[in-house]
PDB file of N, CA and C in Angstrom:
ATOM      1  N   MET A   1      29.485  -8.703 -10.446  1.00  0.00           N
ATOM      2  CA  MET A   1      28.127  -9.573  -9.392  1.00  0.00           C
ATOM      3  C   MET A   1      28.314  -8.688  -8.270  1.00  0.00           C
ATOM      4  N   SER A   2      26.939  -8.494  -7.604  1.00  0.00           N
ATOM      5  CA  SER A   2      26.551  -8.282  -6.343  1.00  0.00           C
ATOM      6  C   SER A   2      26.896  -9.037  -4.836  1.00  0.00           C
ATOM      7  N   SER A   3      27.599  -8.621  -4.339  1.00  0.00           N
ATOM      8  CA  SER A   3      27.371  -9.305  -3.289  1.00  0.00           C
ATOM      9  C   SER A   3      26.723  -9.083  -2.223  1.00  0.00           C
ATOM     10  N   GLN A   4      25.024  -8.750  -2.269  1.00  0.00           N
ATOM     11  CA  GLN A   4      24.311  -8.824  -1.958  1.00  0.00           C
ATOM     12  C   GLN A   4      23.741 -10.259  -1.541  1.00  0.00           C
ATOM     13  N   LYS A   5      23.306 -10.145   0.116  1.00  0.00           N
ATOM     14  CA  LYS A   5      22.835 -12.273   0.295  1.00  0.00           C
ATOM     15  C   LYS A   5      21.112 -11.946  -0.446  1.00  0.00           C
ATOM     16  N   THR A   6      21.254 -12.833  -1.099  1.00  0.00           N
ATOM     17  CA  THR A   6      19.993 -13.047  -2.177  1.00  0.00           C
ATOM     18  C   THR A   6      18.546 -14.295  -1.887  1.00  0.00           C
ATOM     19  N   ILE A   7      17.832 -13.835  -1.540  1.00  0.00           N
ATOM     20  CA  ILE A   7      16.643 -14.523  -0.755  1.00  0.00           C
ATOM     21  C   ILE A   7      15.900 -15.572  -2.211  1.00  0.00           C
ATOM     22  N   VAL A   8      15.768 -16.736  -2.447  1.00  0.00           N
ATOM     23  CA  VAL A   8      14.383 -17.112  -2.819  1.00  0.00           C
ATOM     24  C   VAL A   8      12.978 -17.418  -2.601  1.00  0.00           C
ATOM     25  N   LEU A   9      12.142 -16.955  -3.726  1.00  0.00           N
ATOM     26  CA  LEU A   9      10.584 -17.290  -2.889  1.00  0.00           C
ATOM     27  C   LEU A   9      10.316 -17.787  -4.814  1.00  0.00           C
ATOM     28  N   LYS A  10       9.290 -19.334  -3.960  1.00  0.00           N
ATOM     29  CA  LYS A  10       8.447 -19.863  -4.944  1.00  0.00           C
ATOM     30  C   LYS A  10       7.560 -19.471  -4.732  1.00  0.00           C
ATOM     31  N   SER A  11       6.610 -19.409  -6.351  1.00  0.00           N
ATOM     32  CA  SER A  11       4.690 -19.063  -6.652  1.00  0.00           C
ATOM     33  C   SER A  11       4.501 -20.437  -6.158  1.00  0.00           C
ATOM     34  N   SER A  12       3.312 -19.753  -6.237  1.00  0.00           N
ATOM     35  CA  SER A  12       2.129 -21.331  -5.872  1.00  0.00           C
ATOM     36  C   SER A  12       2.101 -21.844  -6.807  1.00  0.00           C
ATOM     37  N   ASP A  13       2.648 -21.801  -8.323  1.00  0.00           N
ATOM     38  CA  ASP A  13       2.920 -22.659  -9.777  1.00  0.00           C
ATOM     39  C   ASP A  13       4.064 -22.817  -9.909  1.00  0.00           C
ATOM     40  N   GLY A  14       4.698 -22.478  -8.929  1.00  0.00           N
ATOM     41  CA  GLY A  14       5.989 -23.735  -9.109  1.00  0.00           C
ATOM     42  C   GLY A  14       7.340 -22.995  -9.277  1.00  0.00           C
ATOM     43  N   GLU A  15       6.881 -21.527  -9.830  1.00  0.00           N
ATOM     44  CA  GLU A  15       8.310 -20.650 -10.530  1.00  0.00           C
ATOM     45  C   GLU A  15       8.995 -19.942  -9.476  1.00  0.00           C
ATOM     46  N   THR A  16      10.572 -19.919  -9.170  1.00  0.00           N
ATOM     47  CA  THR A  16      11.510 -19.307  -8.284  1.00  0.00           C
ATOM     48  C   THR A  16      12.161 -18.293  -9.081  1.00  0.00           C
ATOM     49  N   PHE A  17      11.936 -17.416  -7.689  1.00  0.00           N
ATOM     50  CA  PHE A  17      12.395 -15.984  -7.483  1.00  0.00           C
ATOM     51  C   PHE A  17      13.643 -15.921  -6.510  1.00  0.00           C
ATOM     52  N   GLU A  18      14.990 -15.334  -7.129  1.00  0.00           N
ATOM     53  CA  GLU A  18      16.283 -14.846  -6.728  1.00  0.00           C
ATOM     54  C   GLU A  18      15.987 -13.468  -6.816  1.00  0.00           C
ATOM     55  N   VAL A  19      15.729 -12.841  -4.904  1.00  0.00           N
ATOM     56  CA  VAL A  19      15.782 -11.854  -4.914  1.00  0.00           C
ATOM     57  C   VAL A  19      16.562 -11.212  -3.891  1.00  0.00           C
ATOM     58  N   GLU A  20      17.208  -9.914  -3.899  1.00  0.00           N
ATOM     59  CA  GLU A  20      18.300  -9.549  -3.063  1.00  0.00           C
ATOM     60  C   GLU A  20      17.516  -9.724  -1.712  1.00  0.00           C
ATOM     61  N   GLU A  21      18.176  -9.647   0.214  1.00  0.00           N
ATOM     62  CA  GLU A  21      17.825  -9.885   0.785  1.00  0.00           C
ATOM     63  C   GLU A  21      17.094  -8.308   1.149  1.00  0.00           C
ATOM     64  N   VAL A  22      17.510  -7.356   0.246  1.00  0.00           N
ATOM     65  CA  VAL A  22      16.418  -6.023   1.191  1.00  0.00           C
ATOM     66  C   VAL A  22      15.524  -5.850  -0.032  1.00  0.00           C
ATOM     67  N   VAL A  23      15.430  -6.192  -1.004  1.00  0.00           N
ATOM     68  CA  VAL A  23      13.906  -6.138  -1.542  1.00  0.00           C
ATOM     69  C   VAL A  23      13.333  -6.840  -0.907  1.00  0.00           C
ATOM     70  N   ALA A  24      13.465  -8.444  -0.622  1.00  0.00           N
ATOM     71  CA  ALA A  24      12.288  -9.496  -0.058  1.00  0.00           C
ATOM     72  C   ALA A  24      12.142  -9.120   1.484  1.00  0.00           C
ATOM     73  N   LEU A  25      12.853  -7.921   1.869  1.00  0.00           N
ATOM     74  CA  LEU A  25      12.742  -7.218   3.041  1.00  0.00           C
ATOM     75  C   LEU A  25      11.578  -6.147   3.422  1.00  0.00           C
ATOM     76  N   GLU A  26      11.294  -6.445   1.947  1.00  0.00           N
ATOM     77  CA  GLU A  26       9.717  -4.934   2.321  1.00  0.00           C
ATOM     78  C   GLU A  26       8.601  -5.329   2.629  1.00  0.00           C
ATOM     79  N   SER A  27       8.683  -7.091   2.449  1.00  0.00           N
ATOM     80  CA  SER A  27       7.423  -7.563   3.180  1.00  0.00           C
ATOM     81  C   SER A  27       7.615  -7.849   4.650  1.00  0.00           C
ATOM     82  N   GLN A  28       7.292  -7.416   5.302  1.00  0.00           N
ATOM     83  CA  GLN A  28       6.728  -7.619   6.454  1.00  0.00           C
ATOM     84  C   GLN A  28       6.667 -10.043   6.764  1.00  0.00           C
ATOM     85  N   THR A  29       6.365 -10.076   6.062  1.00  0.00           N
ATOM     86  CA  THR A  29       5.583 -11.478   6.123  1.00  0.00           C
ATOM     87  C   THR A  29       7.457 -12.325   6.234  1.00  0.00           C
ATOM     88  N   ILE A  30       7.583 -11.835   5.254  1.00  0.00           N
ATOM     89  CA  ILE A  30       9.394 -12.314   4.505  1.00  0.00           C
ATOM     90  C   ILE A  30      10.715 -12.590   5.583  1.00  0.00           C
ATOM     91  N   LYS A  31       9.890 -10.928   6.143  1.00  0.00           N
ATOM     92  CA  LYS A  31      10.932 -10.434   7.071  1.00  0.00           C
ATOM     93  C   LYS A  31      10.598 -11.201   8.108  1.00  0.00           C
ATOM     94  N   HIS A  32       9.504 -11.750   8.944  1.00  0.00           N
ATOM     95  CA  HIS A  32       9.337 -12.435  10.073  1.00  0.00           C
ATOM     96  C   HIS A  32       9.827 -13.838   9.969  1.00  0.00           C
ATOM     97  N   MET A  33       9.609 -14.262   8.437  1.00  0.00           N
ATOM     98  CA  MET A  33      10.374 -16.102   8.180  1.00  0.00           C
ATOM     99  C   MET A  33      11.871 -15.911   8.563  1.00  0.00           C
ATOM    100  N   ILE A  34      12.752 -14.987   8.078  1.00  0.00           N
ATOM    101  CA  ILE A  34      13.865 -14.274   7.914  1.00  0.00           C
ATOM    102  C   ILE A  34      14.170 -14.856   9.811  1.00  0.00           C
ATOM    103  N   GLU A  35      13.669 -13.253  10.231  1.00  0.00           N
ATOM    104  CA  GLU A  35      14.086 -12.843  11.751  1.00  0.00           C
ATOM    105  C   GLU A  35      14.150 -14.627  12.034  1.00  0.00           C
ATOM    106  N   ASP A  36      12.928 -15.261  12.036  1.00  0.00           N
ATOM    107  CA  ASP A  36      12.682 -16.715  12.651  1.00  0.00           C
ATOM    108  C   ASP A  36      13.733 -17.751  12.237  1.00  0.00           C
ATOM    109  N   ASP A  37      14.006 -17.399  11.476  1.00  0.00           N
ATOM    110  CA  ASP A  37      15.249 -18.742  10.879  1.00  0.00           C
ATOM    111  C   ASP A  37      14.235 -19.575  10.131  1.00  0.00           C
ATOM    112  N   CYS A  38      13.371 -19.271   9.847  1.00  0.00           N
ATOM    113  CA  CYS A  38      12.242 -20.513   8.566  1.00  0.00           C
ATOM    114  C   CYS A  38      12.737 -19.753   7.283  1.00  0.00           C
ATOM    115  N   ALA A  39      13.487 -19.893   7.402  1.00  0.00           N
ATOM    116  CA  ALA A  39      13.675 -19.614   5.310  1.00  0.00           C
ATOM    117  C   ALA A  39      15.080 -19.480   4.571  1.00  0.00           C
ATOM    118  N   ASN A  40      16.050 -20.974   5.012  1.00  0.00           N
ATOM    119  CA  ASN A  40      16.708 -21.046   5.003  1.00  0.00           C
ATOM    120  C   ASN A  40      17.299 -21.335   3.809  1.00  0.00           C
ATOM    121  N   THR A  41      16.212 -21.955   3.153  1.00  0.00           N
ATOM    122  CA  THR A  41      16.752 -22.392   1.118  1.00  0.00           C
ATOM    123  C   THR A  41      15.775 -21.326   0.599  1.00  0.00           C
ATOM    124  N   THR A  42      14.242 -21.681   0.483  1.00  0.00           N
ATOM    125  CA  THR A  42      13.661 -21.162  -0.312  1.00  0.00           C
ATOM    126  C   THR A  42      12.374 -21.211  -0.071  1.00  0.00           C
ATOM    127  N   ILE A  43      11.687 -19.614   0.141  1.00  0.00           N
ATOM    128  CA  ILE A  43      10.079 -19.455   1.056  1.00  0.00           C
ATOM    129  C   ILE A  43       9.460 -19.334   0.046  1.00  0.00           C
ATOM    130  N   PRO A  44       8.493 -20.378   0.541  1.00  0.00           N
ATOM    131  CA  PRO A  44       7.086 -20.509  -0.389  1.00  0.00           C
ATOM    132  C   PRO A  44       6.141 -19.875  -0.153  1.00  0.00           C
ATOM    133  N   LEU A  45       5.603 -19.797  -1.618  1.00  0.00           N
ATOM    134  CA  LEU A  45       4.654 -18.222  -1.201  1.00  0.00           C
ATOM    135  C   LEU A  45       3.125 -18.750  -1.798  1.00  0.00           C
ATOM    136  N   PRO A  46       2.199 -19.866  -1.250  1.00  0.00           N
ATOM    137  CA  PRO A  46       1.422 -20.470  -1.845  1.00  0.00           C
ATOM    138  C   PRO A  46      -0.015 -19.727  -2.012  1.00  0.00           C
ATOM    139  N   ASN A  47       0.525 -18.440  -1.858  1.00  0.00           N
ATOM    140  CA  ASN A  47      -1.154 -17.914  -2.333  1.00  0.00           C
ATOM    141  C   ASN A  47      -0.852 -17.226  -3.717  1.00  0.00           C
ATOM    142  N   VAL A  48       0.184 -16.643  -3.719  1.00  0.00           N
ATOM    143  CA  VAL A  48       0.506 -15.563  -5.069  1.00  0.00           C
ATOM    144  C   VAL A  48       1.373 -16.626  -6.153  1.00  0.00           C
ATOM    145  N   THR A  49       0.983 -16.130  -7.119  1.00  0.00           N
ATOM    146  CA  THR A  49       1.192 -16.962  -8.799  1.00  0.00           C
ATOM    147  C   THR A  49       2.657 -16.202  -8.744  1.00  0.00           C
ATOM    148  N   SER A  50       3.148 -16.570 -10.292  1.00  0.00           N
ATOM    149  CA  SER A  50       4.419 -16.431 -10.249  1.00  0.00           C
ATOM    150  C   SER A  50       4.399 -14.511 -10.755  1.00  0.00           C
ATOM    151  N   MET A  51       3.466 -14.462 -12.066  1.00  0.00           N
ATOM    152  CA  MET A  51       3.167 -13.076 -12.725  1.00  0.00           C
ATOM    153  C   MET A  51       2.820 -12.243 -11.537  1.00  0.00           C
ATOM    154  N   ILE A  52       2.177 -12.250 -10.305  1.00  0.00           N
ATOM    155  CA  ILE A  52       2.259 -11.441  -9.076  1.00  0.00           C
ATOM    156  C   ILE A  52       3.270 -11.014  -8.433  1.00  0.00           C
ATOM    157  N   ILE A  53       3.722 -12.489  -8.136  1.00  0.00           N
ATOM    158  CA  ILE A  53       5.333 -12.165  -7.131  1.00  0.00           C
ATOM    159  C   ILE A  53       5.847 -11.557  -8.191  1.00  0.00           C
ATOM    160  N   SER A  54       6.103 -11.590  -9.750  1.00  0.00           N
ATOM    161  CA  SER A  54       7.398 -10.752 -10.154  1.00  0.00           C
ATOM    162  C   SER A  54       7.053  -9.175 -10.463  1.00  0.00           C
ATOM    163  N   LYS A  55       5.468  -8.896 -10.190  1.00  0.00           N
ATOM    164  CA  LYS A  55       5.170  -7.457 -10.300  1.00  0.00           C
ATOM    165  C   LYS A  55       4.850  -6.922  -8.537  1.00  0.00           C
ATOM    166  N   VAL A  56       5.328  -7.780  -7.275  1.00  0.00           N
ATOM    167  CA  VAL A  56       5.432  -7.378  -6.320  1.00  0.00           C
ATOM    168  C   VAL A  56       7.605  -7.342  -6.040  1.00  0.00           C
ATOM    169  N   ILE A  57       7.780  -8.026  -6.834  1.00  0.00           N
ATOM    170  CA  ILE A  57       9.246  -8.096  -6.911  1.00  0.00           C
ATOM    171  C   ILE A  57       9.931  -6.320  -7.499  1.00  0.00           C
ATOM    172  N   GLU A  58       8.895  -6.057  -9.050  1.00  0.00           N
ATOM    173  CA  GLU A  58       8.939  -4.728  -8.856  1.00  0.00           C
ATOM    174  C   GLU A  58       8.421  -3.785  -8.552  1.00  0.00           C
ATOM    175  N   TYR A  59       7.503  -3.895  -8.012  1.00  0.00           N
ATOM    176  CA  TYR A  59       7.506  -2.664  -7.193  1.00  0.00           C
ATOM    177  C   TYR A  59       7.927  -2.439  -5.776  1.00  0.00           C
ATOM    178  N   CYS A  60       8.732  -3.427  -4.980  1.00  0.00           N
ATOM    179  CA  CYS A  60       9.761  -4.206  -4.183  1.00  0.00           C
ATOM    180  C   CYS A  60      11.114  -2.712  -4.473  1.00  0.00           C
ATOM    181  N   LYS A  61      10.983  -3.195  -5.487  1.00  0.00           N
ATOM    182  CA  LYS A  61      13.058  -3.122  -5.901  1.00  0.00           C
ATOM    183  C   LYS A  61      12.701  -1.602  -6.331  1.00  0.00           C
ATOM    184  N   LYS A  62      12.190  -1.306  -6.714  1.00  0.00           N
ATOM    185  CA  LYS A  62      12.020   0.461  -7.171  1.00  0.00           C
ATOM    186  C   LYS A  62      11.756   0.961  -5.987  1.00  0.00           C
ATOM    187  N   HIS A  63      11.031   0.836  -5.118  1.00  0.00           N
ATOM    188  CA  HIS A  63      11.148   1.422  -3.887  1.00  0.00           C
ATOM    189  C   HIS A  63      12.567   1.247  -2.721  1.00  0.00           C
ATOM    190  N   VAL A  64      12.848  -0.071  -3.343  1.00  0.00           N
ATOM    191  CA  VAL A  64      14.467  -0.086  -2.455  1.00  0.00           C
ATOM    192  C   VAL A  64      15.275   1.105  -2.795  1.00  0.00           C
ATOM    193  N   GLU A  65      15.074   0.972  -4.075  1.00  0.00           N
ATOM    194  CA  GLU A  65      16.327   1.961  -5.220  1.00  0.00           C
ATOM    195  C   GLU A  65      15.880   3.369  -5.091  1.00  0.00           C
ATOM    196  N   SER A  66      14.149   3.798  -4.475  1.00  0.00           N
ATOM    197  CA  SER A  66      14.399   4.955  -4.614  1.00  0.00           C
ATOM    198  C   SER A  66      14.853   5.776  -3.294  1.00  0.00           C
ATOM    199  N   ALA A  67      14.793   4.678  -1.974  1.00  0.00           N
ATOM    200  CA  ALA A  67      15.073   5.163  -1.077  1.00  0.00           C
ATOM    201  C   ALA A  67      16.430   5.494  -0.739  1.00  0.00           C
ATOM    202  N   LYS A  68      17.317   4.398  -2.050  1.00  0.00           N
ATOM    203  CA  LYS A  68      18.883   4.881  -1.464  1.00  0.00           C
ATOM    204  C   LYS A  68      19.070   6.164  -2.753  1.00  0.00           C
ATOM    205  N   ASN A  69      18.363   7.155  -3.194  1.00  0.00           N
ATOM    206  CA  ASN A  69      18.498   8.204  -4.192  1.00  0.00           C
ATOM    207  C   ASN A  69      18.812   9.517  -3.144  1.00  0.00           C
ATOM    208  N   GLU A  70      19.855   9.791  -3.531  1.00  0.00           N
ATOM    209  CA  GLU A  70      20.047  11.007  -2.382  1.00  0.00           C
ATOM    210  C   GLU A  70      19.244  12.518  -2.931  1.00  0.00           C
ATOM    211  N   ASP A  71      18.498  12.582  -3.404  1.00  0.00           N
ATOM    212  CA  ASP A  71      17.772  14.045  -4.014  1.00  0.00           C
ATOM    213  C   ASP A  71      16.303  13.342  -3.336  1.00  0.00           C
ATOM    214  N   LYS A  72      15.850  13.415  -2.248  1.00  0.00           N
ATOM    215  CA  LYS A  72      14.563  12.878  -1.909  1.00  0.00           C
ATOM    216  C   LYS A  72      13.542  13.257  -2.533  1.00  0.00           C
ATOM    217  N   LYS A  73      13.185  14.549  -2.591  1.00  0.00           N
ATOM    218  CA  LYS A  73      12.230  15.259  -2.921  1.00  0.00           C
ATOM    219  C   LYS A  73      11.805  14.284  -4.418  1.00  0.00           C
ATOM    220  N   THR A  74      12.939  14.021  -5.430  1.00  0.00           N
ATOM    221  CA  THR A  74      13.229  13.745  -6.866  1.00  0.00           C
ATOM    222  C   THR A  74      13.053  12.217  -7.403  1.00  0.00           C
ATOM    223  N   ALA A  75      13.320  11.615  -5.491  1.00  0.00           N
ATOM    224  CA  ALA A  75      12.817  10.274  -5.599  1.00  0.00           C
ATOM    225  C   ALA A  75      11.419  10.163  -5.173  1.00  0.00           C
ATOM    226  N   GLU A  76      11.160  10.983  -4.061  1.00  0.00           N
ATOM    227  CA  GLU A  76       9.941  10.792  -4.213  1.00  0.00           C
ATOM    228  C   GLU A  76       8.583  10.861  -5.556  1.00  0.00           C
ATOM    229  N   GLU A  77       8.715  12.383  -6.120  1.00  0.00           N
ATOM    230  CA  GLU A  77       7.728  12.368  -7.575  1.00  0.00           C
ATOM    231  C   GLU A  77       7.932  11.017  -8.393  1.00  0.00           C
ATOM    232  N   ASP A  78       9.899  10.587  -9.005  1.00  0.00           N
ATOM    233  CA  ASP A  78       9.349   9.348  -9.280  1.00  0.00           C
ATOM    234  C   ASP A  78       8.723   8.375  -9.138  1.00  0.00           C
ATOM    235  N   LEU A  79       8.767   8.075  -7.859  1.00  0.00           N
ATOM    236  CA  LEU A  79       7.878   6.863  -6.895  1.00  0.00           C
ATOM    237  C   LEU A  79       6.242   7.520  -7.193  1.00  0.00           C
ATOM    238  N   LYS A  80       5.804   8.377  -7.135  1.00  0.00           N
ATOM    239  CA  LYS A  80       4.813   8.772  -7.105  1.00  0.00           C
ATOM    240  C   LYS A  80       3.771   8.637  -8.686  1.00  0.00           C
ATOM    241  N   VAL A  81       4.941   8.517  -9.699  1.00  0.00           N
ATOM    242  CA  VAL A  81       4.880   8.545 -10.825  1.00  0.00           C
ATOM    243  C   VAL A  81       4.968   6.833 -11.259  1.00  0.00           C
ATOM    244  N   PHE A  82       5.784   6.673 -10.670  1.00  0.00           N
ATOM    245  CA  PHE A  82       6.187   5.339 -10.988  1.00  0.00           C
ATOM    246  C   PHE A  82       4.964   3.995 -10.395  1.00  0.00           C
ATOM    247  N   ASP A  83       4.536   4.653  -8.878  1.00  0.00           N
ATOM    248  CA  ASP A  83       2.691   3.976  -8.216  1.00  0.00           C
ATOM    249  C   ASP A  83       1.856   3.939  -9.112  1.00  0.00           C
ATOM    250  N   SER A  84       1.603   5.369  -9.313  1.00  0.00           N
ATOM    251  CA  SER A  84       0.618   5.629 -10.400  1.00  0.00           C
ATOM    252  C   SER A  84      -0.003   5.202 -11.620  1.00  0.00           C
ATOM    253  N   GLU A  85       1.990   4.683 -12.126  1.00  0.00           N
ATOM    254  CA  GLU A  85       1.555   3.544 -13.567  1.00  0.00           C
ATOM    255  C   GLU A  85       1.169   2.179 -13.108  1.00  0.00           C
ATOM    256  N   PHE A  86       2.101   1.920 -11.677  1.00  0.00           N
ATOM    257  CA  PHE A  86       2.431   0.497 -11.679  1.00  0.00           C
ATOM    258  C   PHE A  86       0.386  -0.321 -11.482  1.00  0.00           C
ATOM    259  N   VAL A  87      -0.248   0.937 -10.723  1.00  0.00           N
ATOM    260  CA  VAL A  87      -1.559   0.535 -10.657  1.00  0.00           C
ATOM    261  C   VAL A  87      -2.858   0.479 -12.144  1.00  0.00           C
ATOM    262  N   LYS A  88      -2.089   1.007 -12.800  1.00  0.00           N
ATOM    263  CA  LYS A  88      -2.753   0.779 -14.618  1.00  0.00           C
ATOM    264  C   LYS A  88      -2.711  -1.012 -15.063  1.00  0.00           C
ATOM    265  N   VAL A  89      -3.382  -1.452 -14.218  1.00  0.00           N
ATOM    266  CA  VAL A  89      -3.715  -2.837 -14.837  1.00  0.00           C
ATOM    267  C   VAL A  89      -4.973  -3.276 -15.001  1.00  0.00           C
ATOM    268  N   ASP A  90      -5.373  -4.301 -15.513  1.00  0.00           N
ATOM    269  CA  ASP A  90      -6.585  -5.037 -15.544  1.00  0.00           C
ATOM    270  C   ASP A  90      -7.047  -5.322 -13.917  1.00  0.00           C
ATOM    271  N   LYS A  91      -8.339  -5.175 -14.013  1.00  0.00           N
ATOM    272  CA  LYS A  91      -9.460  -5.252 -12.454  1.00  0.00           C
ATOM    273  C   LYS A  91      -8.816  -6.581 -11.828  1.00  0.00           C
ATOM    274  N   ASP A  92      -8.821  -7.840 -13.084  1.00  0.00           N
ATOM    275  CA  ASP A  92      -7.825  -9.553 -12.017  1.00  0.00           C
ATOM    276  C   ASP A  92      -7.009  -8.887 -11.092  1.00  0.00           C
ATOM    277  N   THR A  93      -5.660  -8.573 -11.910  1.00  0.00           N
ATOM    278  CA  THR A  93      -4.457  -8.539 -11.385  1.00  0.00           C
ATOM    279  C   THR A  93      -4.060  -7.069 -10.377  1.00  0.00           C
ATOM    280  N   LEU A  94      -5.484  -6.623 -10.432  1.00  0.00           N
ATOM    281  CA  LEU A  94      -4.806  -5.204  -9.183  1.00  0.00           C
ATOM    282  C   LEU A  94      -5.646  -6.018  -8.059  1.00  0.00           C
ATOM    283  N   PHE A  95      -6.701  -6.764  -8.160  1.00  0.00           N
ATOM    284  CA  PHE A  95      -7.203  -7.729  -7.030  1.00  0.00           C
ATOM    285  C   PHE A  95      -6.342  -8.695  -6.642  1.00  0.00           C
ATOM    286  N   ASP A  96      -5.550  -9.046  -7.425  1.00  0.00           N
ATOM    287  CA  ASP A  96      -4.978 -10.011  -7.336  1.00  0.00           C
ATOM    288  C   ASP A  96      -3.170  -9.479  -6.351  1.00  0.00           C
ATOM    289  N   LEU A  97      -2.675  -8.840  -7.032  1.00  0.00           N
ATOM    290  CA  LEU A  97      -1.722  -7.932  -6.228  1.00  0.00           C
ATOM    291  C   LEU A  97      -2.261  -6.979  -4.728  1.00  0.00           C
ATOM    292  N   ILE A  98      -3.523  -7.067  -4.718  1.00  0.00           N
ATOM    293  CA  ILE A  98      -3.913  -6.390  -3.335  1.00  0.00           C
ATOM    294  C   ILE A  98      -3.940  -7.523  -2.087  1.00  0.00           C
ATOM    295  N   LEU A  99      -4.413  -8.842  -2.619  1.00  0.00           N
ATOM    296  CA  LEU A  99      -4.071 -10.009  -1.803  1.00  0.00           C
ATOM    297  C   LEU A  99      -2.947 -10.152  -1.447  1.00  0.00           C
ATOM    298  N   ALA A 100      -2.076  -9.898  -2.047  1.00  0.00           N
ATOM    299  CA  ALA A 100      -0.553 -10.706  -2.131  1.00  0.00           C
ATOM    300  C   ALA A 100      -0.278  -9.369  -1.507  1.00  0.00           C
ATOM    301  N   ALA A 101      -0.472  -8.008  -1.461  1.00  0.00           N
ATOM    302  CA  ALA A 101       0.473  -7.153  -0.642  1.00  0.00           C
ATOM    303  C   ALA A 101       0.042  -7.272   0.852  1.00  0.00           C
ATOM    304  N   ASN A 102      -1.758  -7.469   0.641  1.00  0.00           N
ATOM    305  CA  ASN A 102      -2.213  -7.997   2.019  1.00  0.00           C
ATOM    306  C   ASN A 102      -1.625  -9.576   2.656  1.00  0.00           C
ATOM    307  N   TYR A 103      -0.968 -10.491   2.010  1.00  0.00           N
ATOM    308  CA  TYR A 103      -0.570 -11.722   2.133  1.00  0.00           C
ATOM    309  C   TYR A 103       1.130 -11.616   2.578  1.00  0.00           C
ATOM    310  N   LEU A 104       1.963 -11.083   1.805  1.00  0.00           N
ATOM    311  CA  LEU A 104       3.181 -10.323   2.173  1.00  0.00           C
ATOM    312  C   LEU A 104       3.502  -9.431   3.265  1.00  0.00           C
ATOM    313  N   ASN A 105       2.038  -8.621   3.680  1.00  0.00           N
ATOM    314  CA  ASN A 105       2.439  -7.557   4.314  1.00  0.00           C
ATOM    315  C   ASN A 105       3.578  -6.319   3.492  1.00  0.00           C
ATOM    316  N   VAL A 106       3.187  -5.793   2.585  1.00  0.00           N
ATOM    317  CA  VAL A 106       4.007  -4.716   2.350  1.00  0.00           C
ATOM    318  C   VAL A 106       2.960  -3.894   2.244  1.00  0.00           C
ATOM    319  N   LYS A 107       3.717  -2.889   2.928  1.00  0.00           N
ATOM    320  CA  LYS A 107       2.790  -1.716   3.543  1.00  0.00           C
ATOM    321  C   LYS A 107       2.585  -0.598   2.526  1.00  0.00           C
ATOM    322  N   SER A 108       3.652  -0.591   2.286  1.00  0.00           N
ATOM    323  CA  SER A 108       3.227   0.845   1.287  1.00  0.00           C
ATOM    324  C   SER A 108       2.851   0.132   0.038  1.00  0.00           C
ATOM    325  N   LEU A 109       2.829  -0.530  -0.382  1.00  0.00           N
ATOM    326  CA  LEU A 109       1.772  -1.775  -1.626  1.00  0.00           C
ATOM    327  C   LEU A 109       0.817  -1.727  -1.833  1.00  0.00           C
ATOM    328  N   LEU A 110      -0.005  -2.095  -0.089  1.00  0.00           N
ATOM    329  CA  LEU A 110      -1.827  -1.968   0.209  1.00  0.00           C
ATOM    330  C   LEU A 110      -1.273  -0.310   0.476  1.00  0.00           C
ATOM    331  N   ASP A 111      -1.061   0.647   0.191  1.00  0.00           N
ATOM    332  CA  ASP A 111      -1.180   1.919   0.399  1.00  0.00           C
ATOM    333  C   ASP A 111      -1.461   2.312  -1.061  1.00  0.00           C
ATOM    334  N   LEU A 112      -1.584   1.712  -1.976  1.00  0.00           N
ATOM    335  CA  LEU A 112      -1.458   1.967  -3.168  1.00  0.00           C
ATOM    336  C   LEU A 112      -2.968   1.885  -3.379  1.00  0.00           C
ATOM    337  N   ARG A 113      -4.185   0.909  -2.411  1.00  0.00           N
ATOM    338  CA  ARG A 113      -5.382   0.938  -2.826  1.00  0.00           C
ATOM    339  C   ARG A 113      -6.073   2.669  -2.932  1.00  0.00           C
ATOM    340  N   LYS A 114      -5.205   3.656  -2.280  1.00  0.00           N
ATOM    341  CA  LYS A 114      -6.119   4.876  -2.254  1.00  0.00           C
ATOM    342  C   LYS A 114      -6.076   5.158  -3.937  1.00  0.00           C
ATOM    343  N   LEU A 115      -4.636   5.013  -4.722  1.00  0.00           N
ATOM    344  CA  LEU A 115      -4.605   5.340  -6.031  1.00  0.00           C
ATOM    345  C   LEU A 115      -5.630   4.491  -6.911  1.00  0.00           C
ATOM    346  N   VAL A 116      -5.825   3.373  -6.529  1.00  0.00           N
ATOM    347  CA  VAL A 116      -6.864   2.471  -6.885  1.00  0.00           C
ATOM    348  C   VAL A 116      -8.178   3.003  -6.834  1.00  0.00           C
ATOM    349  N   ARG A 117      -9.056   3.457  -5.426  1.00  0.00           N
ATOM    350  CA  ARG A 117     -10.165   4.212  -5.219  1.00  0.00           C
ATOM    351  C   ARG A 117     -10.285   5.352  -6.567  1.00  0.00           C
ATOM    352  N   ALA A 118      -9.019   6.399  -5.959  1.00  0.00           N
ATOM    353  CA  ALA A 118      -9.722   6.992  -6.727  1.00  0.00           C
ATOM    354  C   ALA A 118      -9.169   7.091  -8.062  1.00  0.00           C
ATOM    355  N   ARG A 119      -8.818   5.913  -9.243  1.00  0.00           N
ATOM    356  CA  ARG A 119      -8.786   5.721 -10.546  1.00  0.00           C
ATOM    357  C   ARG A 119     -10.197   4.894 -10.749  1.00  0.00           C
ATOM    358  N   THR A 120     -10.474   4.522  -9.775  1.00  0.00           N
ATOM    359  CA  THR A 120     -11.579   3.553 -10.640  1.00  0.00           C
ATOM    360  C   THR A 120     -12.947   4.011  -9.804  1.00  0.00           C
ATOM    361  N   SER A 121     -12.684   5.336  -9.089  1.00  0.00           N
ATOM    362  CA  SER A 121     -14.378   6.393  -8.590  1.00  0.00           C
ATOM    363  C   SER A 121     -14.873   6.920 -10.062  1.00  0.00           C
TER     364      SER A 121
END
């Protein structure tokens, strides 16, 4: 059992997600809510559906795990592959991911717009 502090996120459709705080802190929006003591139990995310939250969590987990990797070059290459695969979704999902990244202020996920542009050009 992990001793990491967890945060509960609640999607617009009522589903809850328990995530490690270090993963949730990839979102500047959530980070500020925690710092301002606005996140005692559950953090509601009224602009994000459960499907999109789960994708954002997947993305943030991978980036947090990668940052722990001793071999920075391998970690960077793995992330490039992960990121390029991550954006291989239908356009509606991609649009919702970009909106969520903007709302949650997940900078690295917003940076994927470059990959999206390259893919759709």
